[in-house]
Amino acid sequence: MSFEFVKPDSSKVIFKFDGRLDTIKCRELDEKVVEKAKDCKTIVFDLEKVSYVSSSFLRICSICAQLANSGGFSFINVSPSIRKVFKISGIDNLIKAEV
């Protein structure tokens, strides 16, 4: 599992995740992602290469949504199985997710 980020300008960051975002891996990601996202108004998580998300990843999403406030947090390239997790958790009602 890895992640990379692209910062097209000072107010936007796009994170591209890869693999399984399980609890152990999310512990490694948590501080790194929040640090890169903290001053951005727009935060995008690209989940094209993600096969699994844990509740720890949902926590990271929640933190980033709060950092971006006013709807500046979104997901792109969400697979049907990940979309199902978002629906069950209710996060799909709070955060914009695109296929």
Protein backbone atom coordinates (compact mmCIF):
# COMPACT_ATOMS: atom_id res chain seq x y z
CA MET A 1 0.00 0.00 0.00
CA SER A 2 1.20 3.45 -0.81
CA PHE A 3 -0.07 6.90 -1.34
CA GLU A 4 1.07 9.91 -3.23
CA PHE A 5 -0.25 13.41 -3.36
CA VAL A 6 -0.42 16.18 -5.90
CA LYS A 7 -0.84 19.78 -4.86
CA PRO A 8 -1.91 21.70 -7.99
CA ASP A 9 -2.02 24.92 -5.96
CA SER A 10 -1.71 26.00 -2.33
CA SER A 11 -5.41 25.50 -1.57
CA LYS A 12 -5.95 22.03 -3.15
CA VAL A 13 -4.46 18.60 -2.59
CA ILE A 14 -5.26 15.29 -4.32
CA PHE A 15 -4.29 12.06 -2.55
CA LYS A 16 -3.96 8.89 -4.62
CA PHE A 17 -4.17 5.76 -2.50
CA ASP A 18 -3.23 2.22 -3.49
CA GLY A 19 -4.11 -1.20 -2.04
CA ARG A 20 -5.84 -2.06 1.23
CA LEU A 21 -6.45 0.79 3.67
CA ASP A 22 -6.69 -1.37 6.77
CA THR A 23 -6.29 -0.26 10.39
CA ILE A 24 -2.55 -0.84 10.58
CA LYS A 25 -1.81 0.99 7.35
CA CYS A 26 -4.12 3.84 8.31
CA ARG A 27 -2.11 4.37 11.49
CA GLU A 28 0.89 5.02 9.26
CA LEU A 29 -1.11 7.34 7.01
CA ASP A 30 -3.07 9.35 9.55
CA GLU A 31 -0.53 12.02 10.50
CA LYS A 32 1.01 12.23 7.03
CA VAL A 33 -2.33 12.84 5.31
CA VAL A 34 -3.55 15.36 7.89
CA GLU A 35 -0.23 17.25 7.72
CA LYS A 36 -0.45 17.58 3.91
CA ALA A 37 -4.15 18.51 4.00
CA LYS A 38 -4.31 20.90 6.95
CA ASP A 39 -4.02 24.19 5.03
CA CYS A 40 -6.09 23.18 1.99
CA LYS A 41 -9.63 24.25 1.21
CA THR A 42 -10.11 21.44 -1.30
CA ILE A 43 -9.11 17.86 -0.48
CA VAL A 44 -9.70 15.00 -2.93
CA PHE A 45 -9.13 11.30 -2.25
CA ASP A 46 -8.63 9.25 -5.43
CA LEU A 47 -9.57 5.66 -4.59
CA GLU A 48 -9.13 4.11 -8.04
CA LYS A 49 -6.55 1.55 -6.84
CA VAL A 50 -8.04 0.90 -3.40
CA SER A 51 -9.47 -2.57 -2.73
CA TYR A 52 -10.51 -2.22 0.94
CA VAL A 53 -11.18 0.51 3.51
CA SER A 54 -11.40 0.10 7.29
CA SER A 55 -13.15 2.26 9.85
CA SER A 56 -9.76 3.86 10.52
CA PHE A 57 -9.79 5.18 6.97
CA LEU A 58 -13.29 6.56 7.53
CA ARG A 59 -11.86 8.42 10.54
CA ILE A 60 -9.16 9.98 8.33
CA CYS A 61 -11.91 11.00 5.90
CA SER A 62 -13.88 12.62 8.69
CA ILE A 63 -10.85 14.61 9.87
CA CYS A 64 -10.10 15.80 6.34
CA ALA A 65 -13.74 16.76 5.77
CA GLN A 66 -13.55 18.93 8.89
CA LEU A 67 -10.29 20.50 7.70
CA ALA A 68 -11.79 21.37 4.32
CA ASN A 69 -15.15 22.42 5.87
CA SER A 70 -17.85 23.88 3.59
CA GLY A 71 -17.92 20.88 1.23
CA GLY A 72 -14.35 21.00 0.00
CA PHE A 73 -13.69 17.29 0.57
CA SER A 74 -14.56 14.61 -1.99
CA PHE A 75 -13.74 11.15 -3.33
CA ILE A 76 -13.16 10.20 -6.95
CA ASN A 77 -12.91 6.82 -8.70
CA VAL A 78 -14.82 4.95 -6.01
CA SER A 79 -15.42 1.25 -6.70
CA PRO A 80 -18.85 -0.30 -6.04
CA SER A 81 -17.54 -2.26 -3.03
CA ILE A 82 -16.03 0.85 -1.41
CA ARG A 83 -19.19 2.83 -2.23
CA LYS A 84 -21.16 0.16 -0.34
CA VAL A 85 -18.97 0.68 2.76
CA PHE A 86 -19.58 4.43 2.51
CA LYS A 87 -23.32 3.86 2.26
CA ILE A 88 -23.42 1.49 5.25
CA SER A 89 -21.36 3.88 7.37
CA GLY A 90 -23.44 6.89 6.33
CA ILE A 91 -20.40 8.80 5.11
CA ASP A 92 -21.93 8.99 1.62
CA ASN A 93 -24.51 11.44 3.02
CA LEU A 94 -21.78 13.77 4.25
CA ILE A 95 -19.13 13.62 1.53
CA LYS A 96 -19.37 13.81 -2.24
CA ALA A 97 -18.22 10.62 -3.97
CA GLU A 98 -17.80 10.19 -7.73
CA VAL A 99 -17.31 6.99 -9.69
